[in-house]
Amino acid sequence: VYTTDSQRMCEEVYSGAPQESYECLENSV
């Protein structure tokens, strides 16, 4: 998973097995 938000610029935030659910941060991609 890669995320861009106010703190991250297309940064890898997770690597591993698929999870039941994922936290999707406000104002993020």
PDB file of all heavy atoms in Angstrom:
ATOM      1  N   VAL A   1       0.842  -1.192   0.000  1.00  0.00           N
ATOM      2  CA  VAL A   1       0.000   0.000   0.000  1.00  0.00           C
ATOM      3  C   VAL A   1       0.880   1.245   0.000  1.00  0.00           C
ATOM      4  O   VAL A   1       1.823   1.345   0.793  1.00  0.00           O
ATOM      5  CB  VAL A   1      -0.939   0.037   1.225  1.00  0.00           C
ATOM      6  CG1 VAL A   1      -1.863   1.257   1.143  1.00  0.00           C
ATOM      7  CG2 VAL A   1      -1.746  -1.250   1.322  1.00  0.00           C
ATOM      8  N   TYR A   2       0.551   2.185  -0.897  1.00  0.00           N
ATOM      9  CA  TYR A   2       1.216   3.488  -0.953  1.00  0.00           C
ATOM     10  C   TYR A   2       0.166   4.563  -0.696  1.00  0.00           C
ATOM     11  O   TYR A   2      -0.955   4.477  -1.199  1.00  0.00           O
ATOM     12  CB  TYR A   2       1.870   3.718  -2.313  1.00  0.00           C
ATOM     13  CG  TYR A   2       3.029   2.791  -2.605  1.00  0.00           C
ATOM     14  CD1 TYR A   2       2.814   1.515  -3.113  1.00  0.00           C
ATOM     15  CD2 TYR A   2       4.340   3.205  -2.371  1.00  0.00           C
ATOM     16  CE1 TYR A   2       3.874   0.652  -3.378  1.00  0.00           C
ATOM     17  CE2 TYR A   2       5.410   2.359  -2.646  1.00  0.00           C
ATOM     18  CZ  TYR A   2       5.168   1.083  -3.142  1.00  0.00           C
ATOM     19  OH  TYR A   2       6.219   0.246  -3.394  1.00  0.00           O
ATOM     20  N   THR A   3       0.562   5.596   0.067  1.00  0.00           N
ATOM     21  CA  THR A   3      -0.393   6.636   0.441  1.00  0.00           C
ATOM     22  C   THR A   3       0.202   8.028   0.269  1.00  0.00           C
ATOM     23  O   THR A   3       1.385   8.250   0.530  1.00  0.00           O
ATOM     24  CB  THR A   3      -0.846   6.456   1.909  1.00  0.00           C
ATOM     25  OG1 THR A   3      -1.607   5.253   2.021  1.00  0.00           O
ATOM     26  CG2 THR A   3      -1.703   7.624   2.388  1.00  0.00           C
ATOM     27  N   THR A   4      -0.651   8.931  -0.171  1.00  0.00           N
ATOM     28  CA  THR A   4      -0.343  10.369  -0.184  1.00  0.00           C
ATOM     29  C   THR A   4      -1.377  11.082   0.671  1.00  0.00           C
ATOM     30  O   THR A   4      -2.584  10.888   0.478  1.00  0.00           O
ATOM     31  CB  THR A   4      -0.370  10.936  -1.612  1.00  0.00           C
ATOM     32  OG1 THR A   4       0.704  10.391  -2.368  1.00  0.00           O
ATOM     33  CG2 THR A   4      -0.235  12.461  -1.589  1.00  0.00           C
ATOM     34  N   ASP A   5      -0.903  11.869   1.634  1.00  0.00           N
ATOM     35  CA  ASP A   5      -1.775  12.733   2.429  1.00  0.00           C
ATOM     36  C   ASP A   5      -0.948  13.925   2.878  1.00  0.00           C
ATOM     37  O   ASP A   5       0.070  14.241   2.261  1.00  0.00           O
ATOM     38  CB  ASP A   5      -2.400  11.971   3.605  1.00  0.00           C
ATOM     39  CG  ASP A   5      -1.364  11.413   4.581  1.00  0.00           C
ATOM     40  OD1 ASP A   5      -0.166  11.766   4.456  1.00  0.00           O
ATOM     41  OD2 ASP A   5      -1.739  10.635   5.473  1.00  0.00           O
ATOM     42  N   SER A   6      -1.374  14.593   3.924  1.00  0.00           N
ATOM     43  CA  SER A   6      -0.649  15.798   4.356  1.00  0.00           C
ATOM     44  C   SER A   6       0.735  15.485   4.920  1.00  0.00           C
ATOM     45  O   SER A   6       1.573  16.387   5.040  1.00  0.00           O
ATOM     46  CB  SER A   6      -1.473  16.555   5.402  1.00  0.00           C
ATOM     47  OG  SER A   6      -1.686  15.750   6.556  1.00  0.00           O
ATOM     48  N   GLN A   7       0.985  14.218   5.263  1.00  0.00           N
ATOM     49  CA  GLN A   7       2.256  13.832   5.855  1.00  0.00           C
ATOM     50  C   GLN A   7       3.107  12.956   4.936  1.00  0.00           C
ATOM     51  O   GLN A   7       4.312  12.825   5.149  1.00  0.00           O
ATOM     52  CB  GLN A   7       2.013  13.072   7.173  1.00  0.00           C
ATOM     53  CG  GLN A   7       1.193  13.831   8.198  1.00  0.00           C
ATOM     54  CD  GLN A   7       1.870  15.101   8.658  1.00  0.00           C
ATOM     55  OE1 GLN A   7       3.082  15.129   8.872  1.00  0.00           O
ATOM     56  NE2 GLN A   7       1.091  16.170   8.782  1.00  0.00           N
ATOM     57  N   ARG A   8       2.509  12.362   3.929  1.00  0.00           N
ATOM     58  CA  ARG A   8       3.197  11.382   3.087  1.00  0.00           C
ATOM     59  C   ARG A   8       3.078  11.767   1.621  1.00  0.00           C
ATOM     60  O   ARG A   8       2.069  12.305   1.201  1.00  0.00           O
ATOM     61  CB  ARG A   8       2.616   9.984   3.306  1.00  0.00           C
ATOM     62  CG  ARG A   8       2.679   9.511   4.750  1.00  0.00           C
ATOM     63  CD  ARG A   8       1.810   8.285   4.963  1.00  0.00           C
ATOM     64  NE  ARG A   8       1.770   7.874   6.366  1.00  0.00           N
ATOM     65  CZ  ARG A   8       0.974   8.405   7.281  1.00  0.00           C
ATOM     66  NH1 ARG A   8       0.124   9.378   6.931  1.00  0.00           N
ATOM     67  NH2 ARG A   8       1.005   7.991   8.535  1.00  0.00           N
ATOM     68  N   MET A   9       4.102  11.425   0.871  1.00  0.00           N
ATOM     69  CA  MET A   9       4.117  11.721  -0.558  1.00  0.00           C
ATOM     70  C   MET A   9       4.344  10.423  -1.322  1.00  0.00           C
ATOM     71  O   MET A   9       5.472  10.043  -1.618  1.00  0.00           O
ATOM     72  CB  MET A   9       5.205  12.742  -0.880  1.00  0.00           C
ATOM     73  CG  MET A   9       5.032  14.065  -0.155  1.00  0.00           C
ATOM     74  SD  MET A   9       6.420  15.179  -0.444  1.00  0.00           S
ATOM     75  CE  MET A   9       5.945  16.576   0.598  1.00  0.00           C
ATOM     76  N   CYS A  10       3.259   9.716  -1.582  1.00  0.00           N
ATOM     77  CA  CYS A  10       3.286   8.407  -2.241  1.00  0.00           C
ATOM     78  C   CYS A  10       4.309   7.498  -1.562  1.00  0.00           C
ATOM     79  O   CYS A  10       5.204   6.960  -2.200  1.00  0.00           O
ATOM     80  CB  CYS A  10       3.596   8.547  -3.733  1.00  0.00           C
ATOM     81  SG  CYS A  10       3.150   7.071  -4.700  1.00  0.00           S
ATOM     82  N   GLU A  11       4.133   7.318  -0.274  1.00  0.00           N
ATOM     83  CA  GLU A  11       5.050   6.503   0.523  1.00  0.00           C
ATOM     84  C   GLU A  11       4.431   5.141   0.825  1.00  0.00           C
ATOM     85  O   GLU A  11       3.226   5.016   1.039  1.00  0.00           O
ATOM     86  CB  GLU A  11       5.380   7.210   1.838  1.00  0.00           C
ATOM     87  CG  GLU A  11       6.131   8.508   1.652  1.00  0.00           C
ATOM     88  CD  GLU A  11       6.410   9.213   2.971  1.00  0.00           C
ATOM     89  OE1 GLU A  11       6.254   8.567   4.033  1.00  0.00           O
ATOM     90  OE2 GLU A  11       6.762  10.405   2.943  1.00  0.00           O
ATOM     91  N   GLU A  12       5.283   4.114   0.868  1.00  0.00           N
ATOM     92  CA  GLU A  12       4.827   2.793   1.236  1.00  0.00           C
ATOM     93  C   GLU A  12       4.448   2.784   2.712  1.00  0.00           C
ATOM     94  O   GLU A  12       5.248   3.151   3.571  1.00  0.00           O
ATOM     95  CB  GLU A  12       5.906   1.758   0.976  1.00  0.00           C
ATOM     96  CG  GLU A  12       5.491   0.332   1.285  1.00  0.00           C
ATOM     97  CD  GLU A  12       6.589  -0.682   1.002  1.00  0.00           C
ATOM     98  OE1 GLU A  12       7.233  -0.588  -0.083  1.00  0.00           O
ATOM     99  OE2 GLU A  12       6.820  -1.554   1.867  1.00  0.00           O
ATOM    100  N   VAL A  13       3.216   2.349   3.007  1.00  0.00           N
ATOM    101  CA  VAL A  13       2.745   2.344   4.396  1.00  0.00           C
ATOM    102  C   VAL A  13       2.425   0.934   4.884  1.00  0.00           C
ATOM    103  O   VAL A  13       2.192   0.734   6.082  1.00  0.00           O
ATOM    104  CB  VAL A  13       1.502   3.242   4.562  1.00  0.00           C
ATOM    105  CG1 VAL A  13       1.844   4.697   4.272  1.00  0.00           C
ATOM    106  CG2 VAL A  13       0.354   2.771   3.667  1.00  0.00           C
ATOM    107  N   TYR A  14       2.396  -0.032   3.959  1.00  0.00           N
ATOM    108  CA  TYR A  14       2.125  -1.401   4.376  1.00  0.00           C
ATOM    109  C   TYR A  14       2.651  -2.361   3.321  1.00  0.00           C
ATOM    110  O   TYR A  14       2.561  -2.101   2.116  1.00  0.00           O
ATOM    111  CB  TYR A  14       0.624  -1.646   4.568  1.00  0.00           C
ATOM    112  CG  TYR A  14       0.303  -3.080   4.940  1.00  0.00           C
ATOM    113  CD1 TYR A  14       0.441  -3.519   6.256  1.00  0.00           C
ATOM    114  CD2 TYR A  14      -0.102  -3.997   3.973  1.00  0.00           C
ATOM    115  CE1 TYR A  14       0.180  -4.839   6.602  1.00  0.00           C
ATOM    116  CE2 TYR A  14      -0.374  -5.319   4.315  1.00  0.00           C
ATOM    117  CZ  TYR A  14      -0.226  -5.732   5.630  1.00  0.00           C
ATOM    118  OH  TYR A  14      -0.473  -7.028   5.971  1.00  0.00           O
ATOM    119  N   SER A  15       3.172  -3.498   3.782  1.00  0.00           N
ATOM    120  CA  SER A  15       3.575  -4.584   2.896  1.00  0.00           C
ATOM    121  C   SER A  15       3.409  -5.894   3.659  1.00  0.00           C
ATOM    122  O   SER A  15       3.952  -6.056   4.758  1.00  0.00           O
ATOM    123  CB  SER A  15       5.025  -4.414   2.437  1.00  0.00           C
ATOM    124  OG  SER A  15       5.411  -5.475   1.581  1.00  0.00           O
ATOM    125  N   GLY A  16       2.644  -6.815   3.116  1.00  0.00           N
ATOM    126  CA  GLY A  16       2.400  -8.071   3.797  1.00  0.00           C
ATOM    127  C   GLY A  16       1.183  -8.764   3.229  1.00  0.00           C
ATOM    128  O   GLY A  16       0.805  -8.552   2.066  1.00  0.00           O
ATOM    129  N   ALA A  17       0.554  -9.580   4.050  1.00  0.00           N
ATOM    130  CA  ALA A  17      -0.643 -10.294   3.619  1.00  0.00           C
ATOM    131  C   ALA A  17      -1.841  -9.349   3.614  1.00  0.00           C
ATOM    132  O   ALA A  17      -1.903  -8.413   4.417  1.00  0.00           O
ATOM    133  CB  ALA A  17      -0.910 -11.474   4.549  1.00  0.00           C
ATOM    134  N   PRO A  18      -2.805  -9.580   2.723  1.00  0.00           N
ATOM    135  CA  PRO A  18      -4.028  -8.763   2.735  1.00  0.00           C
ATOM    136  C   PRO A  18      -4.723  -8.852   4.094  1.00  0.00           C
ATOM    137  O   PRO A  18      -4.720  -9.899   4.741  1.00  0.00           O
ATOM    138  CB  PRO A  18      -4.879  -9.385   1.622  1.00  0.00           C
ATOM    139  CG  PRO A  18      -3.877 -10.001   0.693  1.00  0.00           C
ATOM    140  CD  PRO A  18      -2.791 -10.530   1.587  1.00  0.00           C
ATOM    141  N   GLN A  19      -5.325  -7.742   4.510  1.00  0.00           N
ATOM    142  CA  GLN A  19      -5.974  -7.650   5.808  1.00  0.00           C
ATOM    143  C   GLN A  19      -7.496  -7.595   5.648  1.00  0.00           C
ATOM    144  O   GLN A  19      -8.028  -7.417   4.556  1.00  0.00           O
ATOM    145  CB  GLN A  19      -5.484  -6.397   6.539  1.00  0.00           C
ATOM    146  CG  GLN A  19      -3.970  -6.331   6.728  1.00  0.00           C
ATOM    147  CD  GLN A  19      -3.464  -7.446   7.631  1.00  0.00           C
ATOM    148  OE1 GLN A  19      -3.856  -7.548   8.790  1.00  0.00           O
ATOM    149  NE2 GLN A  19      -2.584  -8.279   7.081  1.00  0.00           N
ATOM    150  N   GLU A  20      -8.168  -7.745   6.783  1.00  0.00           N
ATOM    151  CA  GLU A  20      -9.619  -7.688   6.792  1.00  0.00           C
ATOM    152  C   GLU A  20     -10.110  -6.308   6.368  1.00  0.00           C
ATOM    153  O   GLU A  20     -11.079  -6.165   5.625  1.00  0.00           O
ATOM    154  CB  GLU A  20     -10.160  -8.030   8.180  1.00  0.00           C
ATOM    155  CG  GLU A  20     -11.668  -7.934   8.324  1.00  0.00           C
ATOM    156  CD  GLU A  20     -12.428  -8.957   7.516  1.00  0.00           C
ATOM    157  OE1 GLU A  20     -11.818  -9.990   7.138  1.00  0.00           O
ATOM    158  OE2 GLU A  20     -13.620  -8.742   7.252  1.00  0.00           O
ATOM    159  N   SER A  21      -9.437  -5.267   6.867  1.00  0.00           N
ATOM    160  CA  SER A  21      -9.799  -3.896   6.500  1.00  0.00           C
ATOM    161  C   SER A  21      -8.560  -3.017   6.654  1.00  0.00           C
ATOM    162  O   SER A  21      -7.544  -3.423   7.235  1.00  0.00           O
ATOM    163  CB  SER A  21     -10.941  -3.373   7.369  1.00  0.00           C
ATOM    164  OG  SER A  21     -10.533  -3.264   8.717  1.00  0.00           O
ATOM    165  N   TYR A  22      -8.689  -1.799   6.135  1.00  0.00           N
ATOM    166  CA  TYR A  22      -7.551  -0.878   6.123  1.00  0.00           C
ATOM    167  C   TYR A  22      -8.029   0.497   6.553  1.00  0.00           C
ATOM    168  O   TYR A  22      -9.122   0.937   6.174  1.00  0.00           O
ATOM    169  CB  TYR A  22      -6.930  -0.790   4.723  1.00  0.00           C
ATOM    170  CG  TYR A  22      -6.709  -2.143   4.110  1.00  0.00           C
ATOM    171  CD1 TYR A  22      -7.670  -2.693   3.247  1.00  0.00           C
ATOM    172  CD2 TYR A  22      -5.579  -2.886   4.403  1.00  0.00           C
ATOM    173  CE1 TYR A  22      -7.500  -3.945   2.704  1.00  0.00           C
ATOM    174  CE2 TYR A  22      -5.394  -4.148   3.860  1.00  0.00           C
ATOM    175  CZ  TYR A  22      -6.355  -4.673   3.010  1.00  0.00           C
ATOM    176  OH  TYR A  22      -6.185  -5.925   2.470  1.00  0.00           O
ATOM    177  N   GLU A  23      -7.199   1.171   7.320  1.00  0.00           N
ATOM    178  CA  GLU A  23      -7.527   2.539   7.711  1.00  0.00           C
ATOM    179  C   GLU A  23      -7.213   3.471   6.551  1.00  0.00           C
ATOM    180  O   GLU A  23      -6.076   3.541   6.097  1.00  0.00           O
ATOM    181  CB  GLU A  23      -6.731   2.953   8.949  1.00  0.00           C
ATOM    182  CG  GLU A  23      -7.114   4.334   9.461  1.00  0.00           C
ATOM    183  CD  GLU A  23      -6.321   4.746  10.689  1.00  0.00           C
ATOM    184  OE1 GLU A  23      -5.069   4.721  10.617  1.00  0.00           O
ATOM    185  OE2 GLU A  23      -6.948   5.095  11.702  1.00  0.00           O
ATOM    186  N   CYS A  24      -8.219   4.158   6.087  1.00  0.00           N
ATOM    187  CA  CYS A  24      -8.067   5.105   4.984  1.00  0.00           C
ATOM    188  C   CYS A  24      -8.137   6.507   5.577  1.00  0.00           C
ATOM    189  O   CYS A  24      -9.190   6.967   6.023  1.00  0.00           O
ATOM    190  CB  CYS A  24      -9.174   4.884   3.956  1.00  0.00           C
ATOM    191  SG  CYS A  24      -8.922   5.717   2.389  1.00  0.00           S
ATOM    192  N   LEU A  25      -7.008   7.178   5.591  1.00  0.00           N
ATOM    193  CA  LEU A  25      -6.893   8.456   6.278  1.00  0.00           C
ATOM    194  C   LEU A  25      -7.668   9.553   5.570  1.00  0.00           C
ATOM    195  O   LEU A  25      -7.902   9.500   4.354  1.00  0.00           O
ATOM    196  CB  LEU A  25      -5.423   8.853   6.388  1.00  0.00           C
ATOM    197  CG  LEU A  25      -4.531   7.871   7.170  1.00  0.00           C
ATOM    198  CD1 LEU A  25      -3.066   8.276   7.055  1.00  0.00           C
ATOM    199  CD2 LEU A  25      -4.965   7.797   8.632  1.00  0.00           C
ATOM    200  N   GLU A  26      -8.074  10.566   6.334  1.00  0.00           N
ATOM    201  CA  GLU A  26      -8.813  11.683   5.747  1.00  0.00           C
ATOM    202  C   GLU A  26      -7.951  12.410   4.728  1.00  0.00           C
ATOM    203  O   GLU A  26      -6.724  12.508   4.870  1.00  0.00           O
ATOM    204  CB  GLU A  26      -9.267  12.649   6.840  1.00  0.00           C
ATOM    205  CG  GLU A  26      -8.134  13.356   7.573  1.00  0.00           C
ATOM    206  CD  GLU A  26      -8.651  14.342   8.597  1.00  0.00           C
ATOM    207  OE1 GLU A  26      -9.834  14.697   8.529  1.00  0.00           O
ATOM    208  OE2 GLU A  26      -7.860  14.754   9.465  1.00  0.00           O
ATOM    209  N   ASN A  27      -8.598  12.903   3.686  1.00  0.00           N
ATOM    210  CA  ASN A  27      -7.923  13.656   2.625  1.00  0.00           C
ATOM    211  C   ASN A  27      -6.664  12.946   2.159  1.00  0.00           C
ATOM    212  O   ASN A  27      -5.558  13.479   2.212  1.00  0.00           O
ATOM    213  CB  ASN A  27      -7.592  15.070   3.108  1.00  0.00           C
ATOM    214  CG  ASN A  27      -8.832  15.861   3.434  1.00  0.00           C
ATOM    215  OD1 ASN A  27      -9.826  15.804   2.715  1.00  0.00           O
ATOM    216  ND2 ASN A  27      -8.797  16.606   4.532  1.00  0.00           N
ATOM    217  N   SER A  28      -6.866  11.725   1.688  1.00  0.00           N
ATOM    218  CA  SER A  28      -5.727  10.902   1.280  1.00  0.00           C
ATOM    219  C   SER A  28      -6.026  10.168  -0.015  1.00  0.00           C
ATOM    220  O   SER A  28      -7.179  10.037  -0.441  1.00  0.00           O
ATOM    221  CB  SER A  28      -5.395   9.882   2.374  1.00  0.00           C
ATOM    222  OG  SER A  28      -6.422   8.898   2.475  1.00  0.00           O
ATOM    223  N   VAL A  29      -4.950   9.673  -0.626  1.00  0.00           N
ATOM    224  CA  VAL A  29      -5.038   8.784  -1.779  1.00  0.00           C
ATOM    225  C   VAL A  29      -4.227   7.551  -1.437  1.00  0.00           C
ATOM    226  O   VAL A  29      -3.060   7.669  -1.047  1.00  0.00           O
ATOM    227  CB  VAL A  29      -4.465   9.428  -3.057  1.00  0.00           C
ATOM    228  CG1 VAL A  29      -4.793   8.556  -4.268  1.00  0.00           C
ATOM    229  CG2 VAL A  29      -4.971  10.831  -3.247  1.00  0.00           C
TER     230      VAL A  29
END
